[in-house]
Amino acid sequence: MYNNWDKWYDVIVDDFSFNKVDDYCSAKILNEKISIIGKYDVSHIDLPMQSIIFGAGPSIKKHVSFIKNNVDLKKYVLIAADGATTALLEEDIIPDIIVTDLDGNMEKIIKSNTFGSILYVHAHGDNVELINKYIEKLDKIIPTCQCKPFGNLENYGGFTDGDRAAHIAVYALNSKKIILAGMDFGKIITNYSRPEIGVKLQRADKFKEKKLVYAKKLIDSLKKENVQIEFINLNDINLDSVTRKYENV
């Protein structure tokens, strides 16, 4: 499915000075590899019509703890945005789906994949090396791209792993309710998002900060285009005042 992402794509490519040819070349390599190992088909799986998307923002640990104690996880598709996979595994939660461009903690993503997590693996201009390094080590892959899709590739829209996960929840999974956890869209990053930083929290660089601005814009746009879907960002709720009746909030 190729929705109105193409309009956003042109704006983002221009603003970040990305190269569309590089995006296409990366997508071509991913498509060729999936043609050999096979594309995973989720159509035979009976998934819940509600999703929880876990981002790798500073609030992730608090939100995971809250969800474990207050939400029936069996009623939701659990979607980890790349590095958030590590935070979930630390709490003995295996995400149903991981949305990744392969720059997170790959040891944890591979581990989660072996336990059954489905991977929406994304191709973009600067992750060709990662695709070549990891794709044969992974299973249950649905390949995505940010150029016009072809072959085995899908494009549901979205730029960062987090907002792309939201697009997948809407357009691929047909979720009717989406809870956002660990989605802060702020100026602080975690070592879940950037394992290489060596500390738990760090001020985002200008590039990352700009990406998070677009992530919020894209999710806000997604909400406006899909008013029939209930979106809840846990950062907008005073969790200290919420009990196990959260499902009714």
C-alpha atoms as a PDB file:
ATOM      1  CA  MET A   1       0.000   0.000   0.000  1.00  0.00           C
ATOM      2  CA  TYR A   2       1.378   3.407  -0.944  1.00  0.00           C
ATOM      3  CA  ASN A   3      -0.614   6.145   0.761  1.00  0.00           C
ATOM      4  CA  ASN A   4       0.104   9.890   0.880  1.00  0.00           C
ATOM      5  CA  TRP A   5       3.613   9.207   2.161  1.00  0.00           C
ATOM      6  CA  ASP A   6       4.978  10.325  -1.223  1.00  0.00           C
ATOM      7  CA  LYS A   7       4.073  13.940  -0.383  1.00  0.00           C
ATOM      8  CA  TRP A   8       5.879  13.741   2.949  1.00  0.00           C
ATOM      9  CA  TYR A   9       8.773  11.945   1.307  1.00  0.00           C
ATOM     10  CA  ASP A  10       9.505  14.815  -1.061  1.00  0.00           C
ATOM     11  CA  VAL A  11       9.511  17.311   1.815  1.00  0.00           C
ATOM     12  CA  ILE A  12      11.777  15.151   3.993  1.00  0.00           C
ATOM     13  CA  VAL A  13      14.224  14.374   1.200  1.00  0.00           C
ATOM     14  CA  ASP A  14      14.551  18.077   0.487  1.00  0.00           C
ATOM     15  CA  ASP A  15      14.843  19.123   4.151  1.00  0.00           C
ATOM     16  CA  PHE A  16      17.470  16.498   5.031  1.00  0.00           C
ATOM     17  CA  SER A  17      19.242  16.564   1.653  1.00  0.00           C
ATOM     18  CA  PHE A  18      18.688  12.832   1.231  1.00  0.00           C
ATOM     19  CA  ASN A  19      19.294  11.123  -2.104  1.00  0.00           C
ATOM     20  CA  LYS A  20      16.344   9.285  -3.636  1.00  0.00           C
ATOM     21  CA  VAL A  21      18.695   7.186  -5.744  1.00  0.00           C
ATOM     22  CA  ASP A  22      20.396   5.919  -2.587  1.00  0.00           C
ATOM     23  CA  ASP A  23      16.994   5.022  -1.122  1.00  0.00           C
ATOM     24  CA  TYR A  24      16.092   3.104  -4.270  1.00  0.00           C
ATOM     25  CA  CYS A  25      19.419   1.239  -4.359  1.00  0.00           C
ATOM     26  CA  SER A  26      18.997   0.157  -0.741  1.00  0.00           C
ATOM     27  CA  ALA A  27      15.432  -0.944  -1.447  1.00  0.00           C
ATOM     28  CA  LYS A  28      16.612  -2.904  -4.496  1.00  0.00           C
ATOM     29  CA  ILE A  29      19.153  -4.827  -2.422  1.00  0.00           C
ATOM     30  CA  LEU A  30      16.575  -5.609   0.284  1.00  0.00           C
ATOM     31  CA  ASN A  31      14.084  -6.744  -2.338  1.00  0.00           C
ATOM     32  CA  GLU A  32      16.629  -9.050  -3.952  1.00  0.00           C
ATOM     33  CA  LYS A  33      17.511 -10.658  -0.635  1.00  0.00           C
ATOM     34  CA  ILE A  34      13.860 -11.191   0.279  1.00  0.00           C
ATOM     35  CA  SER A  35      13.278 -12.750  -3.142  1.00  0.00           C
ATOM     36  CA  ILE A  36      15.767 -15.426  -2.084  1.00  0.00           C
ATOM     37  CA  ILE A  37      14.815 -16.026   1.550  1.00  0.00           C
ATOM     38  CA  GLY A  38      11.084 -15.299   1.246  1.00  0.00           C
ATOM     39  CA  LYS A  39       8.691 -12.647   2.517  1.00  0.00           C
ATOM     40  CA  TYR A  40       6.689 -13.375   5.640  1.00  0.00           C
ATOM     41  CA  ASP A  41       2.897 -13.465   5.326  1.00  0.00           C
ATOM     42  CA  VAL A  42       0.907 -12.196   8.317  1.00  0.00           C
ATOM     43  CA  SER A  43      -2.499 -12.696   6.702  1.00  0.00           C
ATOM     44  CA  HIS A  44      -2.888 -16.133   8.302  1.00  0.00           C
ATOM     45  CA  ILE A  45      -2.368 -14.759  11.830  1.00  0.00           C
ATOM     46  CA  ASP A  46      -5.353 -13.659  13.884  1.00  0.00           C
ATOM     47  CA  LEU A  47      -4.013 -10.470  15.444  1.00  0.00           C
ATOM     48  CA  PRO A  48      -5.891  -8.242  17.902  1.00  0.00           C
ATOM     49  CA  MET A  49      -7.427  -5.051  16.517  1.00  0.00           C
ATOM     50  CA  GLN A  50      -5.566  -2.969  19.091  1.00  0.00           C
ATOM     51  CA  SER A  51      -1.872  -2.129  19.187  1.00  0.00           C
ATOM     52  CA  ILE A  52       0.668  -0.797  21.655  1.00  0.00           C
ATOM     53  CA  ILE A  53       3.663   0.872  20.046  1.00  0.00           C
ATOM     54  CA  PHE A  54       6.778   1.092  22.196  1.00  0.00           C
ATOM     55  CA  GLY A  55       9.249   3.838  21.351  1.00  0.00           C
ATOM     56  CA  ALA A  56      12.730   4.181  22.790  1.00  0.00           C
ATOM     57  CA  GLY A  57      12.193   7.556  24.479  1.00  0.00           C
ATOM     58  CA  PRO A  58      13.041   8.461  28.094  1.00  0.00           C
ATOM     59  CA  SER A  59       9.584   7.411  29.331  1.00  0.00           C
ATOM     60  CA  ILE A  60       9.839   3.838  28.035  1.00  0.00           C
ATOM     61  CA  LYS A  61      10.724   2.085  31.306  1.00  0.00           C
ATOM     62  CA  LYS A  62       7.968   3.846  33.234  1.00  0.00           C
ATOM     63  CA  HIS A  63       5.438   3.072  30.518  1.00  0.00           C
ATOM     64  CA  VAL A  64       6.418  -0.583  30.201  1.00  0.00           C
ATOM     65  CA  SER A  65       6.059  -1.002  33.959  1.00  0.00           C
ATOM     66  CA  PHE A  66       2.646   0.656  33.887  1.00  0.00           C
ATOM     67  CA  ILE A  67       1.440  -1.468  30.981  1.00  0.00           C
ATOM     68  CA  LYS A  68       2.596  -4.705  32.617  1.00  0.00           C
ATOM     69  CA  ASN A  69       0.579  -3.907  35.726  1.00  0.00           C
ATOM     70  CA  ASN A  70      -2.528  -2.374  34.181  1.00  0.00           C
ATOM     71  CA  VAL A  71      -3.128  -3.711  30.675  1.00  0.00           C
ATOM     72  CA  ASP A  72      -4.064  -7.163  29.410  1.00  0.00           C
ATOM     73  CA  LEU A  73      -1.283  -7.641  26.867  1.00  0.00           C
ATOM     74  CA  LYS A  74      -3.135 -10.462  25.130  1.00  0.00           C
ATOM     75  CA  LYS A  75      -5.639  -7.911  23.816  1.00  0.00           C
ATOM     76  CA  TYR A  76      -2.963  -5.958  21.936  1.00  0.00           C
ATOM     77  CA  VAL A  77      -0.418  -6.383  19.191  1.00  0.00           C
ATOM     78  CA  LEU A  78       2.849  -5.367  20.841  1.00  0.00           C
ATOM     79  CA  ILE A  79       5.020  -3.383  18.424  1.00  0.00           C
ATOM     80  CA  ALA A  80       8.567  -2.360  19.304  1.00  0.00           C
ATOM     81  CA  ALA A  81      10.233   0.462  17.425  1.00  0.00           C
ATOM     82  CA  ASP A  82      13.771  -0.860  16.947  1.00  0.00           C
ATOM     83  CA  GLY A  83      15.702  -0.104  20.166  1.00  0.00           C
ATOM     84  CA  ALA A  84      12.610  -0.401  22.337  1.00  0.00           C
ATOM     85  CA  THR A  85      12.995  -4.157  21.855  1.00  0.00           C
ATOM     86  CA  THR A  86      15.774  -4.135  24.465  1.00  0.00           C
ATOM     87  CA  ALA A  87      13.575  -2.388  27.035  1.00  0.00           C
ATOM     88  CA  LEU A  88      10.821  -4.973  26.496  1.00  0.00           C
ATOM     89  CA  LEU A  89      13.162  -7.944  26.771  1.00  0.00           C
ATOM     90  CA  GLU A  90      14.434  -6.544  30.071  1.00  0.00           C
ATOM     91  CA  GLU A  91      10.865  -6.949  31.334  1.00  0.00           C
ATOM     92  CA  ASP A  92      10.476 -10.438  29.808  1.00  0.00           C
ATOM     93  CA  ILE A  93       8.128  -9.160  27.098  1.00  0.00           C
ATOM     94  CA  ILE A  94       8.556 -10.461  23.551  1.00  0.00           C
ATOM     95  CA  PRO A  95       7.093  -7.998  21.040  1.00  0.00           C
ATOM     96  CA  ASP A  96       4.847  -9.444  18.365  1.00  0.00           C
ATOM     97  CA  ILE A  97       6.370  -7.077  15.822  1.00  0.00           C
ATOM     98  CA  ILE A  98       9.620  -5.123  15.590  1.00  0.00           C
ATOM     99  CA  VAL A  99       9.903  -2.184  13.187  1.00  0.00           C
ATOM    100  CA  THR A 100      13.565  -1.630  12.430  1.00  0.00           C
ATOM    101  CA  ASP A 101      16.103  -0.175  10.048  1.00  0.00           C
ATOM    102  CA  LEU A 102      18.686  -2.433  11.736  1.00  0.00           C
ATOM    103  CA  ASP A 103      20.600   0.260  13.624  1.00  0.00           C
ATOM    104  CA  GLY A 104      19.413  -0.701  17.118  1.00  0.00           C
ATOM    105  CA  ASN A 105      20.797  -3.379  19.413  1.00  0.00           C
ATOM    106  CA  MET A 106      20.840  -6.183  16.853  1.00  0.00           C
ATOM    107  CA  GLU A 107      21.771  -8.828  19.398  1.00  0.00           C
ATOM    108  CA  LYS A 108      18.466  -8.153  21.181  1.00  0.00           C
ATOM    109  CA  ILE A 109      16.477  -7.869  17.958  1.00  0.00           C
ATOM    110  CA  ILE A 110      17.852 -11.183  16.712  1.00  0.00           C
ATOM    111  CA  LYS A 111      17.074 -12.776  20.086  1.00  0.00           C
ATOM    112  CA  SER A 112      13.495 -11.472  20.001  1.00  0.00           C
ATOM    113  CA  ASN A 113      13.149 -12.673  16.419  1.00  0.00           C
ATOM    114  CA  THR A 114      14.182 -16.195  17.439  1.00  0.00           C
ATOM    115  CA  PHE A 115      11.393 -16.088  20.044  1.00  0.00           C
ATOM    116  CA  GLY A 116       8.862 -15.269  17.318  1.00  0.00           C
ATOM    117  CA  SER A 117       8.871 -11.521  16.711  1.00  0.00           C
ATOM    118  CA  ILE A 118       7.899 -10.535  13.176  1.00  0.00           C
ATOM    119  CA  LEU A 119      10.260  -7.981  11.625  1.00  0.00           C
ATOM    120  CA  TYR A 120       9.264  -5.076   9.402  1.00  0.00           C
ATOM    121  CA  VAL A 121      12.749  -4.335   8.050  1.00  0.00           C
ATOM    122  CA  HIS A 122      13.223  -0.945   6.418  1.00  0.00           C
ATOM    123  CA  ALA A 123      15.561   0.062   3.583  1.00  0.00           C
ATOM    124  CA  HIS A 124      16.851   3.607   3.232  1.00  0.00           C
ATOM    125  CA  GLY A 125      19.861   5.271   1.696  1.00  0.00           C
ATOM    126  CA  ASP A 126      22.401   4.744   4.451  1.00  0.00           C
ATOM    127  CA  ASN A 127      21.690   1.271   5.796  1.00  0.00           C
ATOM    128  CA  VAL A 128      22.815  -0.901   2.862  1.00  0.00           C
ATOM    129  CA  GLU A 129      25.743  -2.216   4.903  1.00  0.00           C
ATOM    130  CA  LEU A 130      23.393  -3.255   7.720  1.00  0.00           C
ATOM    131  CA  ILE A 131      21.022  -4.982   5.299  1.00  0.00           C
ATOM    132  CA  ASN A 132      23.916  -6.951   3.834  1.00  0.00           C
ATOM    133  CA  LYS A 133      25.211  -7.814   7.303  1.00  0.00           C
ATOM    134  CA  TYR A 134      22.030  -8.908   9.040  1.00  0.00           C
ATOM    135  CA  ILE A 135      19.239  -9.884   6.679  1.00  0.00           C
ATOM    136  CA  GLU A 136      20.297 -13.540   6.327  1.00  0.00           C
ATOM    137  CA  LYS A 137      20.443 -13.808  10.128  1.00  0.00           C
ATOM    138  CA  LEU A 138      16.780 -12.874  10.469  1.00  0.00           C
ATOM    139  CA  ASP A 139      13.468 -14.651  10.018  1.00  0.00           C
ATOM    140  CA  LYS A 140       9.819 -13.633   9.533  1.00  0.00           C
ATOM    141  CA  ILE A 141      10.697 -10.502   7.544  1.00  0.00           C
ATOM    142  CA  ILE A 142       8.331  -8.081   5.866  1.00  0.00           C
ATOM    143  CA  PRO A 143      10.472  -5.630   3.872  1.00  0.00           C
ATOM    144  CA  THR A 144       9.609  -1.923   3.693  1.00  0.00           C
ATOM    145  CA  CYS A 145      11.057   1.067   1.875  1.00  0.00           C
ATOM    146  CA  GLN A 146      10.592   4.824   1.704  1.00  0.00           C
ATOM    147  CA  CYS A 147      10.685   5.081  -2.074  1.00  0.00           C
ATOM    148  CA  LYS A 148       7.817   3.834  -4.244  1.00  0.00           C
ATOM    149  CA  PRO A 149       7.448   0.127  -3.399  1.00  0.00           C
ATOM    150  CA  PHE A 150       8.181  -2.610  -5.909  1.00  0.00           C
ATOM    151  CA  GLY A 151       8.651  -6.362  -5.888  1.00  0.00           C
ATOM    152  CA  ASN A 152       8.360  -7.707  -2.354  1.00  0.00           C
ATOM    153  CA  LEU A 153       8.518  -4.276  -0.744  1.00  0.00           C
ATOM    154  CA  GLU A 154       5.815  -2.461   1.183  1.00  0.00           C
ATOM    155  CA  ASN A 155       5.487   1.225   1.979  1.00  0.00           C
ATOM    156  CA  TYR A 156       2.873   2.082   4.588  1.00  0.00           C
ATOM    157  CA  GLY A 157       4.347   5.514   5.217  1.00  0.00           C
ATOM    158  CA  GLY A 158       6.444   6.831   8.065  1.00  0.00           C
ATOM    159  CA  PHE A 159       9.961   8.124   8.543  1.00  0.00           C
ATOM    160  CA  THR A 160      11.401   7.092  11.904  1.00  0.00           C
ATOM    161  CA  ASP A 161      10.932   3.591  13.326  1.00  0.00           C
ATOM    162  CA  GLY A 162       8.353   4.924  15.799  1.00  0.00           C
ATOM    163  CA  ASP A 163       6.027   6.775  13.461  1.00  0.00           C
ATOM    164  CA  ARG A 164       6.513   4.097  10.800  1.00  0.00           C
ATOM    165  CA  ALA A 165       5.258   1.592  13.384  1.00  0.00           C
ATOM    166  CA  ALA A 166       2.142   3.722  13.802  1.00  0.00           C
ATOM    167  CA  HIS A 167       1.569   3.712  10.032  1.00  0.00           C
ATOM    168  CA  ILE A 168       1.974  -0.066   9.981  1.00  0.00           C
ATOM    169  CA  ALA A 169      -0.540  -0.400  12.819  1.00  0.00           C
ATOM    170  CA  VAL A 170      -3.058   1.665  10.853  1.00  0.00           C
ATOM    171  CA  TYR A 171      -2.553   0.530   7.260  1.00  0.00           C
ATOM    172  CA  ALA A 172      -1.187  -3.002   7.617  1.00  0.00           C
ATOM    173  CA  LEU A 173      -2.820  -4.220  10.838  1.00  0.00           C
ATOM    174  CA  ASN A 174      -6.067  -2.212  10.725  1.00  0.00           C
ATOM    175  CA  SER A 175      -5.792  -1.345  14.401  1.00  0.00           C
ATOM    176  CA  LYS A 176      -8.810   0.448  15.877  1.00  0.00           C
ATOM    177  CA  LYS A 177      -6.981   1.581  19.000  1.00  0.00           C
ATOM    178  CA  ILE A 178      -3.307   2.516  19.283  1.00  0.00           C
ATOM    179  CA  ILE A 179      -1.464   3.212  22.524  1.00  0.00           C
ATOM    180  CA  LEU A 180       1.856   5.032  22.253  1.00  0.00           C
ATOM    181  CA  ALA A 181       4.387   4.197  24.979  1.00  0.00           C
ATOM    182  CA  GLY A 182       7.859   5.667  25.296  1.00  0.00           C
ATOM    183  CA  MET A 183       7.077   8.125  22.508  1.00  0.00           C
ATOM    184  CA  ASP A 184       8.382  11.423  23.876  1.00  0.00           C
ATOM    185  CA  PHE A 185       9.316  13.370  20.722  1.00  0.00           C
ATOM    186  CA  GLY A 186      11.648  15.460  22.873  1.00  0.00           C
ATOM    187  CA  LYS A 187      15.274  16.511  22.873  1.00  0.00           C
ATOM    188  CA  ILE A 188      16.607  13.685  25.035  1.00  0.00           C
ATOM    189  CA  ILE A 189      17.582  10.297  23.620  1.00  0.00           C
ATOM    190  CA  THR A 190      18.220   7.012  25.408  1.00  0.00           C
ATOM    191  CA  ASN A 191      20.770   4.272  24.961  1.00  0.00           C
ATOM    192  CA  TYR A 192      17.872   2.109  23.764  1.00  0.00           C
ATOM    193  CA  SER A 193      17.641   4.372  20.741  1.00  0.00           C
ATOM    194  CA  ARG A 194      21.380   4.880  20.338  1.00  0.00           C
ATOM    195  CA  PRO A 195      23.256   1.976  22.008  1.00  0.00           C
ATOM    196  CA  GLU A 196      26.590   3.516  21.090  1.00  0.00           C
ATOM    197  CA  ILE A 197      26.221   6.599  23.330  1.00  0.00           C
ATOM    198  CA  GLY A 198      27.390   4.677  26.421  1.00  0.00           C
ATOM    199  CA  VAL A 199      25.091   6.513  28.867  1.00  0.00           C
ATOM    200  CA  LYS A 200      21.409   6.082  29.656  1.00  0.00           C
ATOM    201  CA  LEU A 201      20.340   9.552  28.558  1.00  0.00           C
ATOM    202  CA  GLN A 202      21.872  12.180  26.321  1.00  0.00           C
ATOM    203  CA  ARG A 203      20.884  15.387  24.579  1.00  0.00           C
ATOM    204  CA  ALA A 204      19.858  14.597  21.000  1.00  0.00           C
ATOM    205  CA  ASP A 205      22.023  15.971  18.223  1.00  0.00           C
ATOM    206  CA  LYS A 206      20.389  18.325  15.737  1.00  0.00           C
ATOM    207  CA  PHE A 207      19.815  15.563  13.193  1.00  0.00           C
ATOM    208  CA  LYS A 208      18.041  13.280  15.673  1.00  0.00           C
ATOM    209  CA  GLU A 209      16.077  16.181  17.125  1.00  0.00           C
ATOM    210  CA  LYS A 210      14.874  17.118  13.654  1.00  0.00           C
ATOM    211  CA  LYS A 211      13.851  13.518  12.963  1.00  0.00           C
ATOM    212  CA  LEU A 212      11.765  13.459  16.141  1.00  0.00           C
ATOM    213  CA  VAL A 213      10.018  16.672  15.074  1.00  0.00           C
ATOM    214  CA  TYR A 214       8.981  14.933  11.857  1.00  0.00           C
ATOM    215  CA  ALA A 215       7.941  11.817  13.760  1.00  0.00           C
ATOM    216  CA  LYS A 216       5.483  13.857  15.797  1.00  0.00           C
ATOM    217  CA  LYS A 217       4.197  15.672  12.701  1.00  0.00           C
ATOM    218  CA  LEU A 218       3.627  12.397  10.916  1.00  0.00           C
ATOM    219  CA  ILE A 219       1.755  10.839  13.820  1.00  0.00           C
ATOM    220  CA  ASP A 220      -0.360  13.980  14.222  1.00  0.00           C
ATOM    221  CA  SER A 221      -1.178  13.797  10.514  1.00  0.00           C
ATOM    222  CA  LEU A 222      -2.000  10.105  10.853  1.00  0.00           C
ATOM    223  CA  LYS A 223      -4.467  10.930  13.636  1.00  0.00           C
ATOM    224  CA  LYS A 224      -6.198  13.597  11.547  1.00  0.00           C
ATOM    225  CA  GLU A 225      -6.525  11.247   8.577  1.00  0.00           C
ATOM    226  CA  ASN A 226      -7.912   8.421  10.719  1.00  0.00           C
ATOM    227  CA  VAL A 227     -10.283  10.020  13.208  1.00  0.00           C
ATOM    228  CA  GLN A 228     -12.086   6.701  13.619  1.00  0.00           C
ATOM    229  CA  ILE A 229      -9.009   5.255  15.343  1.00  0.00           C
ATOM    230  CA  GLU A 230      -8.442   5.914  19.041  1.00  0.00           C
ATOM    231  CA  PHE A 231      -4.908   7.133  19.698  1.00  0.00           C
ATOM    232  CA  ILE A 232      -3.633   7.351  23.279  1.00  0.00           C
ATOM    233  CA  ASN A 233      -0.169   8.645  24.146  1.00  0.00           C
ATOM    234  CA  LEU A 234       0.696   7.609  27.692  1.00  0.00           C
ATOM    235  CA  ASN A 235       2.722  10.806  28.029  1.00  0.00           C
ATOM    236  CA  ASP A 236      -0.594  12.694  27.920  1.00  0.00           C
ATOM    237  CA  ILE A 237      -1.984  10.800  30.925  1.00  0.00           C
ATOM    238  CA  ASN A 238      -1.256  11.169  34.639  1.00  0.00           C
ATOM    239  CA  LEU A 239      -0.430   7.527  35.196  1.00  0.00           C
ATOM    240  CA  ASP A 240      -0.185   7.957  38.973  1.00  0.00           C
ATOM    241  CA  SER A 241      -3.952   8.515  39.108  1.00  0.00           C
ATOM    242  CA  VAL A 242      -4.835   5.574  36.885  1.00  0.00           C
ATOM    243  CA  THR A 243      -5.787   2.147  38.218  1.00  0.00           C
ATOM    244  CA  ARG A 244      -6.314  -1.200  36.573  1.00  0.00           C
ATOM    245  CA  LYS A 245      -9.447   0.282  35.004  1.00  0.00           C
ATOM    246  CA  TYR A 246      -7.166   1.857  32.433  1.00  0.00           C
ATOM    247  CA  GLU A 247      -8.789  -0.046  29.568  1.00  0.00           C
ATOM    248  CA  ASN A 248     -11.861   2.161  30.006  1.00  0.00           C
ATOM    249  CA  VAL A 249      -9.948   5.457  29.849  1.00  0.00           C
END
